[in-house]
Amino acid sequence: MFRVSLVLLIVTTVSWMAFILIVLSQAPEHTLFVSSGYMNSQIFSSEFIAIGAHLGLFGILGVFLYITICDVRHCFIKQLDLGAILLIGGGWGVLTELFQLGVLGRYASSGDVIADLFGVLAGVLLTRSVISLVTESNYKYDR
């Protein structure tokens, strides 16, 4: 049977993946370096901002992937499904890093891919714990 909610979840997930690609393929700001060629102290803080952006963007992707697969499987997620979510999220992280090789001033980083994987994992674990808390509290009140 055709379900509109599933189609909307898939469209939302794919749209978020496209948004990640657009955001991470932007050219870097030129204000990060001083004129003498040495790195400014802003580099240190910008690295934390970049890692936070990767964690946040891919954490939201993990949430969308988990909810989409949960809707397909009627909220019965197995370890194989979790592996598939991590594979999709990690694969998308690798593809975005490879795409950045073609952007002037950007480079690929294995640290970013690791941050992407941790982001997806954090999103999945957060969503899984929230869903289990909500279903557990609903079960208590239904009795």
Protein backbone atom coordinates (compact mmCIF):
# COMPACT_ATOMS: atom_id res chain seq x y z
CA MET A 1 0.00 0.00 0.00
CA PHE A 2 1.25 3.46 -0.90
CA ARG A 3 2.03 5.55 2.17
CA VAL A 4 2.51 9.27 1.86
CA SER A 5 4.37 9.47 5.17
CA LEU A 6 7.06 7.09 3.93
CA VAL A 7 7.51 9.05 0.70
CA LEU A 8 7.78 12.29 2.70
CA LEU A 9 10.40 10.72 4.98
CA ILE A 10 12.45 9.52 2.03
CA VAL A 11 12.20 12.90 0.29
CA THR A 12 13.18 14.68 3.52
CA THR A 13 16.17 12.38 4.05
CA VAL A 14 17.42 12.77 0.49
CA SER A 15 16.87 16.54 0.68
CA TRP A 16 18.92 16.68 3.86
CA MET A 17 21.68 14.71 2.15
CA ALA A 18 21.66 17.26 -0.70
CA PHE A 19 21.76 20.09 1.85
CA ILE A 20 24.83 18.51 3.49
CA LEU A 21 26.54 18.29 0.10
CA ILE A 22 25.78 21.95 -0.64
CA VAL A 23 26.94 23.19 2.77
CA LEU A 24 30.14 21.17 2.84
CA SER A 25 31.10 22.09 -0.71
CA GLN A 26 31.27 25.84 -0.06
CA ALA A 27 34.63 27.52 -0.63
CA PRO A 28 36.44 28.36 2.62
CA GLU A 29 36.60 31.89 3.94
CA HIS A 30 39.82 33.73 3.19
CA THR A 31 39.89 35.40 6.61
CA LEU A 32 41.40 32.36 8.34
CA PHE A 33 45.00 33.20 7.46
CA VAL A 34 47.04 36.26 8.29
CA SER A 35 48.98 37.99 5.54
CA SER A 36 52.36 36.58 6.60
CA GLY A 37 51.28 33.03 5.86
CA TYR A 38 51.09 31.78 9.44
CA MET A 39 47.87 30.38 10.75
CA ASN A 40 45.79 32.66 12.86
CA SER A 41 44.34 31.58 16.19
CA GLN A 42 40.99 31.49 14.43
CA ILE A 43 42.06 28.24 12.76
CA PHE A 44 41.90 26.44 16.09
CA SER A 45 38.37 27.64 16.83
CA SER A 46 37.27 27.15 13.23
CA GLU A 47 38.35 23.49 13.40
CA PHE A 48 36.02 22.99 16.39
CA ILE A 49 33.25 24.73 14.50
CA ALA A 50 33.88 22.49 11.46
CA ILE A 51 33.84 19.34 13.60
CA GLY A 52 30.64 20.53 15.28
CA ALA A 53 29.10 21.18 11.89
CA HIS A 54 29.97 17.67 10.72
CA LEU A 55 28.60 16.14 13.93
CA GLY A 56 25.42 18.19 13.74
CA LEU A 57 24.70 17.75 10.04
CA PHE A 58 25.33 14.03 10.09
CA GLY A 59 23.59 13.62 13.45
CA ILE A 60 20.42 14.97 11.87
CA LEU A 61 21.01 12.64 8.92
CA GLY A 62 21.23 9.74 11.39
CA VAL A 63 17.90 10.80 12.90
CA PHE A 64 16.24 10.95 9.47
CA LEU A 65 17.69 7.59 8.40
CA TYR A 66 16.62 5.93 11.66
CA ILE A 67 13.07 7.30 11.47
CA THR A 68 12.78 6.31 7.79
CA ILE A 69 13.93 2.75 8.40
CA CYS A 70 11.80 2.61 11.55
CA ASP A 71 8.77 3.57 9.44
CA VAL A 72 9.59 0.94 6.83
CA ARG A 73 10.13 -1.77 9.46
CA HIS A 74 7.31 -0.58 11.74
CA CYS A 75 9.80 0.41 14.45
CA PHE A 76 11.55 -2.93 14.73
CA ILE A 77 15.18 -2.03 14.13
CA LYS A 78 17.76 -4.82 14.09
CA GLN A 79 21.55 -4.60 14.26
CA LEU A 80 21.71 -5.11 10.49
CA ASP A 81 19.54 -2.02 10.04
CA LEU A 82 21.83 -0.02 12.33
CA GLY A 83 24.78 -1.19 10.26
CA ALA A 84 22.98 -0.09 7.10
CA ILE A 85 22.32 3.35 8.61
CA LEU A 86 25.99 3.71 9.55
CA LEU A 87 27.02 2.50 6.09
CA ILE A 88 24.75 5.02 4.35
CA GLY A 89 25.84 7.86 6.64
CA GLY A 90 29.52 6.98 6.45
CA GLY A 91 29.31 6.46 2.71
CA TRP A 92 27.73 9.86 2.29
CA GLY A 93 30.50 11.33 4.46
CA VAL A 94 33.14 9.77 2.19
CA LEU A 95 31.35 11.02 -0.93
CA THR A 96 31.12 14.58 0.41
CA GLU A 97 34.83 14.53 1.25
CA LEU A 98 35.68 13.25 -2.24
CA PHE A 99 33.45 15.94 -3.71
CA GLN A 100 35.40 18.56 -1.76
CA LEU A 101 38.54 17.59 -3.66
CA GLY A 102 37.05 19.34 -6.68
CA VAL A 103 36.27 22.55 -4.78
CA LEU A 104 38.95 25.21 -4.91
CA GLY A 105 40.48 25.73 -1.47
CA ARG A 106 38.91 22.62 0.08
CA TYR A 107 40.49 19.28 0.88
CA ALA A 108 39.34 15.84 1.96
CA SER A 109 39.96 14.77 5.53
CA SER A 110 39.65 11.37 7.16
CA GLY A 111 38.97 13.20 10.43
CA ASP A 112 35.85 14.69 8.88
CA VAL A 113 34.66 11.23 7.82
CA ILE A 114 35.18 9.99 11.39
CA ALA A 115 33.25 13.00 12.70
CA ASP A 116 30.49 12.20 10.19
CA LEU A 117 30.28 8.61 11.45
CA PHE A 118 30.16 9.76 15.06
CA GLY A 119 27.45 12.24 14.12
CA VAL A 120 25.32 9.54 12.49
CA LEU A 121 25.89 7.24 15.47
CA ALA A 122 24.95 9.99 17.93
CA GLY A 123 21.79 10.78 15.98
CA VAL A 124 20.79 7.12 15.85
CA LEU A 125 21.45 6.52 19.54
CA LEU A 126 19.62 9.69 20.56
CA THR A 127 16.60 8.84 18.41
CA ARG A 128 16.58 5.25 19.60
CA SER A 129 16.67 6.29 23.26
CA VAL A 130 13.94 8.91 22.79
CA ILE A 131 11.70 6.42 20.99
CA SER A 132 12.25 3.79 23.67
CA LEU A 133 11.52 6.32 26.45
CA VAL A 134 8.35 7.49 24.74
CA THR A 135 7.07 3.99 24.06
CA GLU A 136 7.99 2.88 27.60
CA SER A 137 6.16 5.83 29.17
CA ASN A 138 3.13 5.24 26.91
CA TYR A 139 3.14 1.59 27.95
CA LYS A 140 3.08 2.59 31.63
CA TYR A 141 0.14 4.96 31.14
CA ASP A 142 -1.84 2.49 29.04
CA ARG A 143 -2.00 -0.03 31.87
